[in-house]
PDB file of N, CA and C in Angstrom:
ATOM      1  N   MET A   1       0.605  -1.047  -0.019  1.00  0.00           N
ATOM      2  CA  MET A   1      -0.091  -0.092   0.189  1.00  0.00           C
ATOM      3  C   MET A   1       0.981   1.563   0.177  1.00  0.00           C
ATOM      4  N   LEU A   2       0.549   2.231  -1.007  1.00  0.00           N
ATOM      5  CA  LEU A   2       1.404   3.438  -0.952  1.00  0.00           C
ATOM      6  C   LEU A   2       0.528   4.792  -0.100  1.00  0.00           C
ATOM      7  N   THR A   3       1.531   5.210   0.722  1.00  0.00           N
ATOM      8  CA  THR A   3       0.585   6.857   1.350  1.00  0.00           C
ATOM      9  C   THR A   3       1.423   7.878   0.671  1.00  0.00           C
ATOM     10  N   ALA A   4       0.748   8.898   0.869  1.00  0.00           N
ATOM     11  CA  ALA A   4       1.577   9.874   0.735  1.00  0.00           C
ATOM     12  C   ALA A   4       0.388  11.182   0.886  1.00  0.00           C
ATOM     13  N   GLY A   5       0.717  12.400   1.209  1.00  0.00           N
ATOM     14  CA  GLY A   5      -0.094  13.273   1.875  1.00  0.00           C
ATOM     15  C   GLY A   5      -0.621  14.016   0.712  1.00  0.00           C
ATOM     16  N   LEU A   6      -1.889  14.321   0.632  1.00  0.00           N
ATOM     17  CA  LEU A   6      -2.481  15.229  -0.553  1.00  0.00           C
ATOM     18  C   LEU A   6      -1.782  15.888  -1.223  1.00  0.00           C
ATOM     19  N   ALA A   7      -0.617  16.944  -0.853  1.00  0.00           N
ATOM     20  CA  ALA A   7       0.052  17.453  -1.739  1.00  0.00           C
ATOM     21  C   ALA A   7       0.447  16.612  -2.831  1.00  0.00           C
ATOM     22  N   THR A   8       1.426  15.474  -2.187  1.00  0.00           N
ATOM     23  CA  THR A   8       2.332  14.803  -2.959  1.00  0.00           C
ATOM     24  C   THR A   8       1.007  13.954  -4.349  1.00  0.00           C
ATOM     25  N   TRP A   9       0.423  13.561  -3.419  1.00  0.00           N
ATOM     26  CA  TRP A   9      -0.745  13.144  -4.837  1.00  0.00           C
ATOM     27  C   TRP A   9      -1.337  13.907  -5.597  1.00  0.00           C
ATOM     28  N   ARG A  10      -1.647  15.392  -5.549  1.00  0.00           N
ATOM     29  CA  ARG A  10      -2.102  16.369  -6.465  1.00  0.00           C
ATOM     30  C   ARG A  10      -0.794  16.669  -7.179  1.00  0.00           C
ATOM     31  N   ASN A  11       0.283  16.859  -6.831  1.00  0.00           N
ATOM     32  CA  ASN A  11       1.698  17.316  -7.649  1.00  0.00           C
ATOM     33  C   ASN A  11       1.534  16.153  -8.764  1.00  0.00           C
ATOM     34  N   LEU A  12       2.077  14.662  -8.310  1.00  0.00           N
ATOM     35  CA  LEU A  12       2.033  13.554  -9.275  1.00  0.00           C
ATOM     36  C   LEU A  12       1.132  13.417 -10.009  1.00  0.00           C
ATOM     37  N   ARG A  13      -0.276  14.154 -10.041  1.00  0.00           N
ATOM     38  CA  ARG A  13      -1.375  14.613 -10.863  1.00  0.00           C
ATOM     39  C   ARG A  13      -1.063  15.124 -11.627  1.00  0.00           C
ATOM     40  N   GLU A  14      -0.455  15.941 -11.429  1.00  0.00           N
ATOM     41  CA  GLU A  14      -0.229  17.747 -12.624  1.00  0.00           C
ATOM     42  C   GLU A  14       1.350  17.060 -12.857  1.00  0.00           C
ATOM     43  N   GLY A  15       1.733  15.673 -13.064  1.00  0.00           N
ATOM     44  CA  GLY A  15       3.019  15.832 -13.396  1.00  0.00           C
ATOM     45  C   GLY A  15       4.373  15.800 -12.910  1.00  0.00           C
ATOM     46  N   ALA A  16       4.405  15.977 -11.459  1.00  0.00           N
ATOM     47  CA  ALA A  16       5.819  16.055 -10.987  1.00  0.00           C
ATOM     48  C   ALA A  16       6.202  14.525 -11.253  1.00  0.00           C
ATOM     49  N   ASP A  17       7.701  14.328 -11.510  1.00  0.00           N
ATOM     50  CA  ASP A  17       8.517  13.430 -11.067  1.00  0.00           C
ATOM     51  C   ASP A  17       7.940  11.900 -10.266  1.00  0.00           C
ATOM     52  N   PRO A  18       7.611  11.053 -10.399  1.00  0.00           N
ATOM     53  CA  PRO A  18       7.406   9.976  -9.108  1.00  0.00           C
ATOM     54  C   PRO A  18       8.420   9.197  -8.521  1.00  0.00           C
ATOM     55  N   GLY A  19       9.555   9.367  -9.531  1.00  0.00           N
ATOM     56  CA  GLY A  19      10.746   8.971  -8.911  1.00  0.00           C
ATOM     57  C   GLY A  19      11.519   9.652  -7.997  1.00  0.00           C
ATOM     58  N   GLN A  20      11.330  11.078  -7.791  1.00  0.00           N
ATOM     59  CA  GLN A  20      11.647  12.316  -6.895  1.00  0.00           C
ATOM     60  C   GLN A  20      10.686  12.115  -5.816  1.00  0.00           C
ATOM     61  N   ALA A  21       9.268  11.395  -5.693  1.00  0.00           N
ATOM     62  CA  ALA A  21       8.392  11.311  -4.887  1.00  0.00           C
ATOM     63  C   ALA A  21       8.913  10.366  -4.166  1.00  0.00           C
ATOM     64  N   VAL A  22       9.246   9.560  -4.597  1.00  0.00           N
ATOM     65  CA  VAL A  22       9.634   8.332  -3.804  1.00  0.00           C
ATOM     66  C   VAL A  22      11.044   8.178  -2.974  1.00  0.00           C
ATOM     67  N   MET A  23      11.774   8.897  -3.923  1.00  0.00           N
ATOM     68  CA  MET A  23      13.403   8.872  -3.342  1.00  0.00           C
ATOM     69  C   MET A  23      13.596  10.170  -2.375  1.00  0.00           C
ATOM     70  N   TYR A  24      12.532  11.579  -1.899  1.00  0.00           N
ATOM     71  CA  TYR A  24      12.470  12.104  -0.973  1.00  0.00           C
ATOM     72  C   TYR A  24      11.472  11.759   0.159  1.00  0.00           C
ATOM     73  N   ARG A  25      10.698  10.223   0.029  1.00  0.00           N
ATOM     74  CA  ARG A  25      10.260   9.914   0.482  1.00  0.00           C
ATOM     75  C   ARG A  25       8.984  10.631   0.850  1.00  0.00           C
ATOM     76  N   ARG A  26       8.586  11.314  -0.034  1.00  0.00           N
ATOM     77  CA  ARG A  26       6.834  11.821   0.230  1.00  0.00           C
ATOM     78  C   ARG A  26       5.758  10.738  -0.494  1.00  0.00           C
ATOM     79  N   LEU A  27       6.601   9.762  -1.184  1.00  0.00           N
ATOM     80  CA  LEU A  27       5.518   8.481  -1.241  1.00  0.00           C
ATOM     81  C   LEU A  27       6.425   7.329  -0.551  1.00  0.00           C
ATOM     82  N   ARG A  28       5.680   6.696   0.234  1.00  0.00           N
ATOM     83  CA  ARG A  28       6.379   5.549   0.700  1.00  0.00           C
ATOM     84  C   ARG A  28       5.052   4.239   0.920  1.00  0.00           C
ATOM     85  N   LEU A  29       6.142   2.855   1.099  1.00  0.00           N
ATOM     86  CA  LEU A  29       5.573   2.020   1.245  1.00  0.00           C
ATOM     87  C   LEU A  29       5.283   1.144   2.578  1.00  0.00           C
ATOM     88  N   GLU A  30       3.693   1.378   2.787  1.00  0.00           N
ATOM     89  CA  GLU A  30       3.299   1.280   4.051  1.00  0.00           C
ATOM     90  C   GLU A  30       3.456  -0.421   4.260  1.00  0.00           C
ATOM     91  N   ARG A  31       2.426  -0.883   3.244  1.00  0.00           N
ATOM     92  CA  ARG A  31       2.431  -2.383   3.505  1.00  0.00           C
ATOM     93  C   ARG A  31       2.992  -3.490   2.218  1.00  0.00           C
ATOM     94  N   GLY A  32       3.783  -4.797   2.415  1.00  0.00           N
ATOM     95  CA  GLY A  32       4.253  -5.277   1.573  1.00  0.00           C
ATOM     96  C   GLY A  32       5.643  -5.049   1.628  1.00  0.00           C
ATOM     97  N   ASP A  33       6.375  -6.015   1.155  1.00  0.00           N
ATOM     98  CA  ASP A  33       7.483  -6.752   0.922  1.00  0.00           C
ATOM     99  C   ASP A  33       8.669  -5.320   0.631  1.00  0.00           C
ATOM    100  N   VAL A  34       9.459  -4.976   1.323  1.00  0.00           N
ATOM    101  CA  VAL A  34      10.367  -4.075   0.997  1.00  0.00           C
ATOM    102  C   VAL A  34      11.184  -4.688  -0.356  1.00  0.00           C
ATOM    103  N   LEU A  35      11.820  -5.619  -0.154  1.00  0.00           N
ATOM    104  CA  LEU A  35      13.055  -6.033  -1.181  1.00  0.00           C
ATOM    105  C   LEU A  35      12.046  -6.314  -2.372  1.00  0.00           C
ATOM    106  N   ALA A  36      10.822  -6.878  -2.109  1.00  0.00           N
ATOM    107  CA  ALA A  36      10.326  -7.138  -3.681  1.00  0.00           C
ATOM    108  C   ALA A  36       9.881  -5.994  -3.987  1.00  0.00           C
ATOM    109  N   PHE A  37       9.794  -4.841  -3.209  1.00  0.00           N
ATOM    110  CA  PHE A  37       9.290  -3.089  -4.038  1.00  0.00           C
ATOM    111  C   PHE A  37      10.613  -2.702  -4.627  1.00  0.00           C
ATOM    112  N   PHE A  38      12.237  -2.561  -3.846  1.00  0.00           N
ATOM    113  CA  PHE A  38      12.918  -2.282  -4.663  1.00  0.00           C
ATOM    114  C   PHE A  38      13.271  -2.536  -5.868  1.00  0.00           C
ATOM    115  N   ARG A  39      12.817  -4.133  -5.829  1.00  0.00           N
ATOM    116  CA  ARG A  39      13.694  -4.912  -7.144  1.00  0.00           C
ATOM    117  C   ARG A  39      12.660  -4.734  -8.151  1.00  0.00           C
ATOM    118  N   VAL A  40      11.306  -4.279  -8.290  1.00  0.00           N
ATOM    119  CA  VAL A  40      10.814  -3.467  -8.949  1.00  0.00           C
ATOM    120  C   VAL A  40      10.204  -2.189  -9.442  1.00  0.00           C
ATOM    121  N   ILE A  41      11.191  -1.230  -9.034  1.00  0.00           N
ATOM    122  CA  ILE A  41      11.208   0.382  -8.641  1.00  0.00           C
ATOM    123  C   ILE A  41      11.033   0.978 -10.021  1.00  0.00           C
ATOM    124  N   TYR A  42      11.697   0.142 -10.888  1.00  0.00           N
ATOM    125  CA  TYR A  42      11.859   0.894 -12.336  1.00  0.00           C
ATOM    126  C   TYR A  42      10.078   0.654 -12.980  1.00  0.00           C
ATOM    127  N   PHE A  43       9.569  -0.514 -12.531  1.00  0.00           N
ATOM    128  CA  PHE A  43       8.219  -0.829 -12.945  1.00  0.00           C
ATOM    129  C   PHE A  43       7.454   0.401 -12.479  1.00  0.00           C
ATOM    130  N   PHE A  44       7.454   0.040 -10.956  1.00  0.00           N
ATOM    131  CA  PHE A  44       6.809   0.998 -10.225  1.00  0.00           C
ATOM    132  C   PHE A  44       6.395   2.917 -10.687  1.00  0.00           C
ATOM    133  N   VAL A  45       7.909   3.008 -10.578  1.00  0.00           N
ATOM    134  CA  VAL A  45       7.979   4.291 -11.338  1.00  0.00           C
ATOM    135  C   VAL A  45       7.557   5.273 -12.640  1.00  0.00           C
ATOM    136  N   GLU A  46       7.736   3.825 -14.083  1.00  0.00           N
ATOM    137  CA  GLU A  46       7.079   4.299 -14.719  1.00  0.00           C
ATOM    138  C   GLU A  46       5.535   3.835 -14.876  1.00  0.00           C
ATOM    139  N   SER A  47       5.093   3.179 -13.917  1.00  0.00           N
ATOM    140  CA  SER A  47       3.707   2.881 -13.739  1.00  0.00           C
ATOM    141  C   SER A  47       2.733   4.242 -13.461  1.00  0.00           C
ATOM    142  N   LEU A  48       3.794   5.044 -12.289  1.00  0.00           N
ATOM    143  CA  LEU A  48       2.920   6.168 -12.215  1.00  0.00           C
ATOM    144  C   LEU A  48       3.289   7.247 -12.937  1.00  0.00           C
ATOM    145  N   ALA A  49       4.409   7.238 -13.761  1.00  0.00           N
ATOM    146  CA  ALA A  49       4.242   8.323 -14.725  1.00  0.00           C
ATOM    147  C   ALA A  49       3.343   8.335 -15.490  1.00  0.00           C
ATOM    148  N   ALA A  50       2.793   6.886 -15.846  1.00  0.00           N
ATOM    149  CA  ALA A  50       1.902   6.839 -16.738  1.00  0.00           C
ATOM    150  C   ALA A  50       0.877   7.262 -16.217  1.00  0.00           C
ATOM    151  N   LEU A  51       0.845   6.809 -15.335  1.00  0.00           N
ATOM    152  CA  LEU A  51      -0.900   7.162 -13.978  1.00  0.00           C
ATOM    153  C   LEU A  51      -1.013   8.479 -14.535  1.00  0.00           C
ATOM    154  N   SER A  52       0.026   8.859 -14.171  1.00  0.00           N
ATOM    155  CA  SER A  52      -0.074  10.939 -14.545  1.00  0.00           C
ATOM    156  C   SER A  52      -0.719  11.502 -15.510  1.00  0.00           C
ATOM    157  N   HIS A  53      -0.553  10.472 -16.378  1.00  0.00           N
ATOM    158  CA  HIS A  53      -0.905  10.956 -17.909  1.00  0.00           C
ATOM    159  C   HIS A  53      -2.493  11.127 -17.862  1.00  0.00           C
ATOM    160  N   VAL A  54      -3.799   9.680 -16.909  1.00  0.00           N
ATOM    161  CA  VAL A  54      -4.523   9.982 -17.567  1.00  0.00           C
ATOM    162  C   VAL A  54      -5.666  11.011 -16.701  1.00  0.00           C
ATOM    163  N   PRO A  55      -6.321  11.249 -17.266  1.00  0.00           N
ATOM    164  CA  PRO A  55      -7.178  12.293 -16.843  1.00  0.00           C
ATOM    165  C   PRO A  55      -7.974  11.793 -15.841  1.00  0.00           C
ATOM    166  N   ALA A  56      -8.046  12.607 -14.677  1.00  0.00           N
ATOM    167  CA  ALA A  56      -9.085  12.431 -13.159  1.00  0.00           C
ATOM    168  C   ALA A  56      -8.973  13.672 -12.764  1.00  0.00           C
ATOM    169  N   GLU A  57     -10.644  13.669 -12.208  1.00  0.00           N
ATOM    170  CA  GLU A  57     -11.089  15.132 -11.456  1.00  0.00           C
ATOM    171  C   GLU A  57     -11.086  15.112  -9.911  1.00  0.00           C
ATOM    172  N   PRO A  58     -11.190  15.985  -9.359  1.00  0.00           N
ATOM    173  CA  PRO A  58     -10.477  16.138  -8.364  1.00  0.00           C
ATOM    174  C   PRO A  58     -11.890  15.669  -7.001  1.00  0.00           C
TER     175      PRO A  58
END
């Protein structure tokens, strides 16, 4: 489960770099296998980048 503050989610939705959000700990893994998480971090970051291009309404 990923958690972040409202401002972080808004920034991601507006096109912020998801890799930086993870790197600066604004986006955190609260539940799950940390080792598996870091093994697939590239996929994760690219998935978030793709999701940031999906139109959404607040």
